[in-house]
Amino acid sequence: MRGERTLTAVFTPDENGWTMAQLAEWPAVVTCGRTVEEARELLLDAAREMIASYRDEGREPPIGGGHAEAITIDLAAA
């Protein structure tokens, strides 16, 4: 898999005011930053590092292949 690929970045604030960032199509790529902008930069860097690591091992990154769906959770029962 070469060239550009558009992936989905998910940004979630944590209880300490930081922002967690993760790739939806490659959940192993995850990081955290003080702001969304910082988290975005760190996520791009983490993705590049993961791609380089896989390529160094002669493997293609496992991007995609999963699926997303909505589920309902009863918060009162939790």
PDB file of N, CA and C in Angstrom:
ATOM      1  N   MET A   1       0.849  -1.170   0.000  1.00  0.00           N
ATOM      2  CA  MET A   1       0.000   0.000   0.000  1.00  0.00           C
ATOM      3  C   MET A   1       0.900   1.239   0.000  1.00  0.00           C
ATOM      4  N   ARG A   2       0.937   1.904  -1.106  1.00  0.00           N
ATOM      5  CA  ARG A   2       1.764   3.107  -1.233  1.00  0.00           C
ATOM      6  C   ARG A   2       0.882   4.289  -1.583  1.00  0.00           C
ATOM      7  N   GLY A   3       1.421   5.492  -1.504  1.00  0.00           N
ATOM      8  CA  GLY A   3       0.660   6.678  -1.847  1.00  0.00           C
ATOM      9  C   GLY A   3      -0.063   7.243  -0.644  1.00  0.00           C
ATOM     10  N   GLU A   4      -0.983   8.137  -0.924  1.00  0.00           N
ATOM     11  CA  GLU A   4      -1.744   8.772   0.145  1.00  0.00           C
ATOM     12  C   GLU A   4      -3.009   8.005   0.451  1.00  0.00           C
ATOM     13  N   ARG A   5      -3.440   8.114   1.678  1.00  0.00           N
ATOM     14  CA  ARG A   5      -4.683   7.489   2.123  1.00  0.00           C
ATOM     15  C   ARG A   5      -5.309   8.413   3.155  1.00  0.00           C
ATOM     16  N   THR A   6      -6.581   8.652   3.054  1.00  0.00           N
ATOM     17  CA  THR A   6      -7.288   9.486   4.022  1.00  0.00           C
ATOM     18  C   THR A   6      -7.874   8.587   5.100  1.00  0.00           C
ATOM     19  N   LEU A   7      -7.521   8.877   6.352  1.00  0.00           N
ATOM     20  CA  LEU A   7      -7.994   8.101   7.490  1.00  0.00           C
ATOM     21  C   LEU A   7      -8.816   9.010   8.405  1.00  0.00           C
ATOM     22  N   THR A   8      -9.532   8.405   9.334  1.00  0.00           N
ATOM     23  CA  THR A   8     -10.392   9.144  10.249  1.00  0.00           C
ATOM     24  C   THR A   8      -9.705   9.306  11.600  1.00  0.00           C
ATOM     25  N   ALA A   9      -9.452  10.554  11.982  1.00  0.00           N
ATOM     26  CA  ALA A   9      -8.880  10.845  13.296  1.00  0.00           C
ATOM     27  C   ALA A   9     -10.029  11.106  14.261  1.00  0.00           C
ATOM     28  N   VAL A  10      -9.991  10.445  15.409  1.00  0.00           N
ATOM     29  CA  VAL A  10     -11.009  10.625  16.443  1.00  0.00           C
ATOM     30  C   VAL A  10     -10.351  11.338  17.619  1.00  0.00           C
ATOM     31  N   PHE A  11     -10.904  12.480  17.994  1.00  0.00           N
ATOM     32  CA  PHE A  11     -10.365  13.279  19.092  1.00  0.00           C
ATOM     33  C   PHE A  11     -11.353  13.249  20.257  1.00  0.00           C
ATOM     34  N   THR A  12     -10.862  12.845  21.422  1.00  0.00           N
ATOM     35  CA  THR A  12     -11.713  12.721  22.600  1.00  0.00           C
ATOM     36  C   THR A  12     -11.061  13.443  23.774  1.00  0.00           C
ATOM     37  N   PRO A  13     -11.762  14.403  24.390  1.00  0.00           N
ATOM     38  CA  PRO A  13     -11.189  15.071  25.564  1.00  0.00           C
ATOM     39  C   PRO A  13     -11.175  14.117  26.750  1.00  0.00           C
ATOM     40  N   ASP A  14     -10.122  14.209  27.570  1.00  0.00           N
ATOM     41  CA  ASP A  14     -10.086  13.373  28.775  1.00  0.00           C
ATOM     42  C   ASP A  14     -10.436  14.222  30.002  1.00  0.00           C
ATOM     43  N   GLU A  15     -10.483  13.586  31.144  1.00  0.00           N
ATOM     44  CA  GLU A  15     -10.912  14.281  32.366  1.00  0.00           C
ATOM     45  C   GLU A  15      -9.907  15.314  32.868  1.00  0.00           C
ATOM     46  N   ASN A  16      -8.690  15.295  32.320  1.00  0.00           N
ATOM     47  CA  ASN A  16      -7.666  16.247  32.749  1.00  0.00           C
ATOM     48  C   ASN A  16      -7.505  17.409  31.776  1.00  0.00           C
ATOM     49  N   GLY A  17      -8.378  17.485  30.771  1.00  0.00           N
ATOM     50  CA  GLY A  17      -8.309  18.585  29.814  1.00  0.00           C
ATOM     51  C   GLY A  17      -7.437  18.313  28.601  1.00  0.00           C
ATOM     52  N   TRP A  18      -6.829  17.139  28.532  1.00  0.00           N
ATOM     53  CA  TRP A  18      -6.034  16.769  27.364  1.00  0.00           C
ATOM     54  C   TRP A  18      -6.952  16.195  26.293  1.00  0.00           C
ATOM     55  N   THR A  19      -6.411  16.002  25.091  1.00  0.00           N
ATOM     56  CA  THR A  19      -7.174  15.420  23.998  1.00  0.00           C
ATOM     57  C   THR A  19      -6.508  14.139  23.524  1.00  0.00           C
ATOM     58  N   MET A  20      -7.253  13.035  23.601  1.00  0.00           N
ATOM     59  CA  MET A  20      -6.762  11.770  23.068  1.00  0.00           C
ATOM     60  C   MET A  20      -7.064  11.746  21.577  1.00  0.00           C
ATOM     61  N   ALA A  21      -6.113  11.258  20.782  1.00  0.00           N
ATOM     62  CA  ALA A  21      -6.292  11.155  19.341  1.00  0.00           C
ATOM     63  C   ALA A  21      -5.978   9.727  18.904  1.00  0.00           C
ATOM     64  N   GLN A  22      -6.833   9.186  18.040  1.00  0.00           N
ATOM     65  CA  GLN A  22      -6.682   7.802  17.596  1.00  0.00           C
ATOM     66  C   GLN A  22      -7.187   7.699  16.164  1.00  0.00           C
ATOM     67  N   LEU A  23      -6.573   6.794  15.393  1.00  0.00           N
ATOM     68  CA  LEU A  23      -7.057   6.538  14.040  1.00  0.00           C
ATOM     69  C   LEU A  23      -8.148   5.469  14.091  1.00  0.00           C
ATOM     70  N   ALA A  24      -9.316   5.773  13.559  1.00  0.00           N
ATOM     71  CA  ALA A  24     -10.428   4.814  13.564  1.00  0.00           C
ATOM     72  C   ALA A  24     -10.075   3.563  12.770  1.00  0.00           C
ATOM     73  N   GLU A  25      -9.374   3.713  11.662  1.00  0.00           N
ATOM     74  CA  GLU A  25      -9.036   2.582  10.804  1.00  0.00           C
ATOM     75  C   GLU A  25      -7.822   1.795  11.282  1.00  0.00           C
ATOM     76  N   TRP A  26      -7.088   2.344  12.245  1.00  0.00           N
ATOM     77  CA  TRP A  26      -5.886   1.698  12.779  1.00  0.00           C
ATOM     78  C   TRP A  26      -5.788   2.064  14.257  1.00  0.00           C
ATOM     79  N   PRO A  27      -6.608   1.443  15.107  1.00  0.00           N
ATOM     80  CA  PRO A  27      -6.715   1.835  16.516  1.00  0.00           C
ATOM     81  C   PRO A  27      -5.413   1.751  17.316  1.00  0.00           C
ATOM     82  N   ALA A  28      -4.431   1.012  16.833  1.00  0.00           N
ATOM     83  CA  ALA A  28      -3.159   0.932  17.551  1.00  0.00           C
ATOM     84  C   ALA A  28      -2.406   2.257  17.510  1.00  0.00           C
ATOM     85  N   VAL A  29      -2.770   3.135  16.593  1.00  0.00           N
ATOM     86  CA  VAL A  29      -2.138   4.456  16.511  1.00  0.00           C
ATOM     87  C   VAL A  29      -2.958   5.399  17.376  1.00  0.00           C
ATOM     88  N   VAL A  30      -2.417   5.690  18.545  1.00  0.00           N
ATOM     89  CA  VAL A  30      -3.119   6.520  19.522  1.00  0.00           C
ATOM     90  C   VAL A  30      -2.104   7.382  20.263  1.00  0.00           C
ATOM     91  N   THR A  31      -2.494   8.601  20.608  1.00  0.00           N
ATOM     92  CA  THR A  31      -1.620   9.508  21.336  1.00  0.00           C
ATOM     93  C   THR A  31      -2.484  10.510  22.093  1.00  0.00           C
ATOM     94  N   CYS A  32      -1.855  11.461  22.752  1.00  0.00           N
ATOM     95  CA  CYS A  32      -2.577  12.452  23.537  1.00  0.00           C
ATOM     96  C   CYS A  32      -1.821  13.778  23.483  1.00  0.00           C
ATOM     97  N   GLY A  33      -2.547  14.871  23.400  1.00  0.00           N
ATOM     98  CA  GLY A  33      -1.926  16.190  23.378  1.00  0.00           C
ATOM     99  C   GLY A  33      -2.705  17.165  24.239  1.00  0.00           C
ATOM    100  N   ARG A  34      -2.090  18.296  24.533  1.00  0.00           N
ATOM    101  CA  ARG A  34      -2.746  19.317  25.366  1.00  0.00           C
ATOM    102  C   ARG A  34      -3.911  19.976  24.633  1.00  0.00           C
ATOM    103  N   THR A  35      -3.819  20.064  23.298  1.00  0.00           N
ATOM    104  CA  THR A  35      -4.871  20.660  22.472  1.00  0.00           C
ATOM    105  C   THR A  35      -5.169  19.722  21.309  1.00  0.00           C
ATOM    106  N   VAL A  36      -6.266  19.996  20.607  1.00  0.00           N
ATOM    107  CA  VAL A  36      -6.590  19.199  19.425  1.00  0.00           C
ATOM    108  C   VAL A  36      -5.478  19.339  18.378  1.00  0.00           C
ATOM    109  N   GLU A  37      -4.971  20.550  18.214  1.00  0.00           N
ATOM    110  CA  GLU A  37      -3.909  20.781  17.236  1.00  0.00           C
ATOM    111  C   GLU A  37      -2.658  19.967  17.564  1.00  0.00           C
ATOM    112  N   GLU A  38      -2.254  19.990  18.836  1.00  0.00           N
ATOM    113  CA  GLU A  38      -1.084  19.221  19.248  1.00  0.00           C
ATOM    114  C   GLU A  38      -1.350  17.721  19.085  1.00  0.00           C
ATOM    115  N   ALA A  39      -2.533  17.280  19.467  1.00  0.00           N
ATOM    116  CA  ALA A  39      -2.884  15.865  19.335  1.00  0.00           C
ATOM    117  C   ALA A  39      -2.856  15.438  17.865  1.00  0.00           C
ATOM    118  N   ARG A  40      -3.327  16.304  16.960  1.00  0.00           N
ATOM    119  CA  ARG A  40      -3.307  16.006  15.521  1.00  0.00           C
ATOM    120  C   ARG A  40      -1.870  15.826  15.039  1.00  0.00           C
ATOM    121  N   GLU A  41      -0.993  16.749  15.415  1.00  0.00           N
ATOM    122  CA  GLU A  41       0.413  16.651  15.005  1.00  0.00           C
ATOM    123  C   GLU A  41       1.053  15.370  15.542  1.00  0.00           C
ATOM    124  N   LEU A  42       0.801  15.069  16.808  1.00  0.00           N
ATOM    125  CA  LEU A  42       1.366  13.869  17.418  1.00  0.00           C
ATOM    126  C   LEU A  42       0.793  12.597  16.785  1.00  0.00           C
ATOM    127  N   LEU A  43      -0.482  12.639  16.401  1.00  0.00           N
ATOM    128  CA  LEU A  43      -1.099  11.481  15.752  1.00  0.00           C
ATOM    129  C   LEU A  43      -0.471  11.230  14.382  1.00  0.00           C
ATOM    130  N   LEU A  44      -0.260  12.285  13.617  1.00  0.00           N
ATOM    131  CA  LEU A  44       0.406  12.132  12.318  1.00  0.00           C
ATOM    132  C   LEU A  44       1.811  11.572  12.494  1.00  0.00           C
ATOM    133  N   ASP A  45       2.539  12.059  13.485  1.00  0.00           N
ATOM    134  CA  ASP A  45       3.882  11.563  13.755  1.00  0.00           C
ATOM    135  C   ASP A  45       3.841  10.089  14.173  1.00  0.00           C
ATOM    136  N   ALA A  46       2.897   9.738  15.042  1.00  0.00           N
ATOM    137  CA  ALA A  46       2.768   8.347  15.486  1.00  0.00           C
ATOM    138  C   ALA A  46       2.435   7.428  14.307  1.00  0.00           C
ATOM    139  N   ALA A  47       1.557   7.880  13.412  1.00  0.00           N
ATOM    140  CA  ALA A  47       1.198   7.073  12.239  1.00  0.00           C
ATOM    141  C   ALA A  47       2.416   6.868  11.331  1.00  0.00           C
ATOM    142  N   ARG A  48       3.182   7.933  11.102  1.00  0.00           N
ATOM    143  CA  ARG A  48       4.396   7.806  10.279  1.00  0.00           C
ATOM    144  C   ARG A  48       5.388   6.828  10.904  1.00  0.00           C
ATOM    145  N   GLU A  49       5.554   6.899  12.218  1.00  0.00           N
ATOM    146  CA  GLU A  49       6.468   5.993  12.912  1.00  0.00           C
ATOM    147  C   GLU A  49       5.993   4.541  12.818  1.00  0.00           C
ATOM    148  N   MET A  50       4.698   4.325  12.970  1.00  0.00           N
ATOM    149  CA  MET A  50       4.153   2.974  12.870  1.00  0.00           C
ATOM    150  C   MET A  50       4.337   2.425  11.457  1.00  0.00           C
ATOM    151  N   ILE A  51       4.068   3.256  10.447  1.00  0.00           N
ATOM    152  CA  ILE A  51       4.256   2.831   9.049  1.00  0.00           C
ATOM    153  C   ILE A  51       5.708   2.469   8.811  1.00  0.00           C
ATOM    154  N   ALA A  52       6.636   3.304   9.280  1.00  0.00           N
ATOM    155  CA  ALA A  52       8.066   3.031   9.105  1.00  0.00           C
ATOM    156  C   ALA A  52       8.462   1.734   9.795  1.00  0.00           C
ATOM    157  N   SER A  53       7.928   1.497  10.986  1.00  0.00           N
ATOM    158  CA  SER A  53       8.240   0.275  11.725  1.00  0.00           C
ATOM    159  C   SER A  53       7.773  -0.965  10.954  1.00  0.00           C
ATOM    160  N   TYR A  54       6.549  -0.916  10.440  1.00  0.00           N
ATOM    161  CA  TYR A  54       6.045  -2.039   9.654  1.00  0.00           C
ATOM    162  C   TYR A  54       6.881  -2.248   8.394  1.00  0.00           C
ATOM    163  N   ARG A  55       7.214  -1.179   7.720  1.00  0.00           N
ATOM    164  CA  ARG A  55       7.984  -1.291   6.477  1.00  0.00           C
ATOM    165  C   ARG A  55       9.395  -1.819   6.759  1.00  0.00           C
ATOM    166  N   ASP A  56       9.993  -1.404   7.886  1.00  0.00           N
ATOM    167  CA  ASP A  56      11.308  -1.921   8.272  1.00  0.00           C
ATOM    168  C   ASP A  56      11.267  -3.430   8.463  1.00  0.00           C
ATOM    169  N   GLU A  57      10.113  -3.935   8.884  1.00  0.00           N
ATOM    170  CA  GLU A  57       9.940  -5.373   9.090  1.00  0.00           C
ATOM    171  C   GLU A  57       9.471  -6.086   7.820  1.00  0.00           C
ATOM    172  N   GLY A  58       9.352  -5.329   6.715  1.00  0.00           N
ATOM    173  CA  GLY A  58       8.925  -5.922   5.459  1.00  0.00           C
ATOM    174  C   GLY A  58       7.438  -6.215   5.384  1.00  0.00           C
ATOM    175  N   ARG A  59       6.650  -5.532   6.214  1.00  0.00           N
ATOM    176  CA  ARG A  59       5.200  -5.754   6.246  1.00  0.00           C
ATOM    177  C   ARG A  59       4.464  -4.478   5.863  1.00  0.00           C
ATOM    178  N   GLU A  60       3.256  -4.657   5.374  1.00  0.00           N
ATOM    179  CA  GLU A  60       2.394  -3.511   5.090  1.00  0.00           C
ATOM    180  C   GLU A  60       1.574  -3.198   6.353  1.00  0.00           C
ATOM    181  N   PRO A  61       1.349  -1.920   6.630  1.00  0.00           N
ATOM    182  CA  PRO A  61       0.556  -1.551   7.811  1.00  0.00           C
ATOM    183  C   PRO A  61      -0.866  -2.104   7.714  1.00  0.00           C
ATOM    184  N   PRO A  62      -1.410  -2.600   8.825  1.00  0.00           N
ATOM    185  CA  PRO A  62      -2.766  -3.166   8.831  1.00  0.00           C
ATOM    186  C   PRO A  62      -3.836  -2.087   8.966  1.00  0.00           C
ATOM    187  N   ILE A  63      -3.964  -1.273   7.936  1.00  0.00           N
ATOM    188  CA  ILE A  63      -4.917  -0.164   7.976  1.00  0.00           C
ATOM    189  C   ILE A  63      -6.237  -0.624   7.359  1.00  0.00           C
ATOM    190  N   GLY A  64      -7.310  -0.407   8.081  1.00  0.00           N
ATOM    191  CA  GLY A  64      -8.628  -0.754   7.557  1.00  0.00           C
ATOM    192  C   GLY A  64      -8.965  -2.206   7.827  1.00  0.00           C
ATOM    193  N   GLY A  65      -9.948  -2.700   7.119  1.00  0.00           N
ATOM    194  CA  GLY A  65     -10.338  -4.087   7.263  1.00  0.00           C
ATOM    195  C   GLY A  65     -11.419  -4.317   8.295  1.00  0.00           C
ATOM    196  N   GLY A  66     -11.611  -3.381   9.190  1.00  0.00           N
ATOM    197  CA  GLY A  66     -12.651  -3.529  10.199  1.00  0.00           C
ATOM    198  C   GLY A  66     -13.923  -2.831   9.750  1.00  0.00           C
ATOM    199  N   HIS A  67     -14.848  -2.693  10.658  1.00  0.00           N
ATOM    200  CA  HIS A  67     -16.066  -1.943  10.356  1.00  0.00           C
ATOM    201  C   HIS A  67     -16.521  -1.202  11.607  1.00  0.00           C
ATOM    202  N   ALA A  68     -17.342  -0.207  11.410  1.00  0.00           N
ATOM    203  CA  ALA A  68     -17.901   0.567  12.518  1.00  0.00           C
ATOM    204  C   ALA A  68     -19.399   0.403  12.519  1.00  0.00           C
ATOM    205  N   GLU A  69     -19.971   0.391  13.685  1.00  0.00           N
ATOM    206  CA  GLU A  69     -21.426   0.315  13.805  1.00  0.00           C
ATOM    207  C   GLU A  69     -21.866   0.980  15.092  1.00  0.00           C
ATOM    208  N   ALA A  70     -23.092   1.443  15.129  1.00  0.00           N
ATOM    209  CA  ALA A  70     -23.657   2.051  16.334  1.00  0.00           C
ATOM    210  C   ALA A  70     -24.199   0.944  17.226  1.00  0.00           C
ATOM    211  N   ILE A  71     -23.949   1.066  18.522  1.00  0.00           N
ATOM    212  CA  ILE A  71     -24.511   0.134  19.493  1.00  0.00           C
ATOM    213  C   ILE A  71     -25.213   0.954  20.574  1.00  0.00           C
ATOM    214  N   THR A  72     -26.184   0.352  21.221  1.00  0.00           N
ATOM    215  CA  THR A  72     -26.933   1.039  22.274  1.00  0.00           C
ATOM    216  C   THR A  72     -26.540   0.446  23.618  1.00  0.00           C
ATOM    217  N   ILE A  73     -26.220   1.322  24.569  1.00  0.00           N
ATOM    218  CA  ILE A  73     -25.831   0.893  25.912  1.00  0.00           C
ATOM    219  C   ILE A  73     -26.781   1.567  26.901  1.00  0.00           C
ATOM    220  N   ASP A  74     -27.331   0.783  27.810  1.00  0.00           N
ATOM    221  CA  ASP A  74     -28.205   1.314  28.850  1.00  0.00           C
ATOM    222  C   ASP A  74     -27.314   1.832  29.978  1.00  0.00           C
ATOM    223  N   LEU A  75     -27.155   3.133  30.060  1.00  0.00           N
ATOM    224  CA  LEU A  75     -26.279   3.728  31.070  1.00  0.00           C
ATOM    225  C   LEU A  75     -26.814   3.534  32.485  1.00  0.00           C
ATOM    226  N   ALA A  76     -28.110   3.404  32.633  1.00  0.00           N
ATOM    227  CA  ALA A  76     -28.691   3.199  33.964  1.00  0.00           C
ATOM    228  C   ALA A  76     -28.348   1.815  34.507  1.00  0.00           C
ATOM    229  N   ALA A  77     -28.139   0.861  33.618  1.00  0.00           N
ATOM    230  CA  ALA A  77     -27.833  -0.505  34.037  1.00  0.00           C
ATOM    231  C   ALA A  77     -26.341  -0.730  34.266  1.00  0.00           C
ATOM    232  N   ALA A  78     -25.527   0.214  33.887  1.00  0.00           N
ATOM    233  CA  ALA A  78     -24.074   0.044  34.006  1.00  0.00           C
ATOM    234  C   ALA A  78     -23.609   0.276  35.416  1.00  0.00           C
TER     235      ALA A  78
END
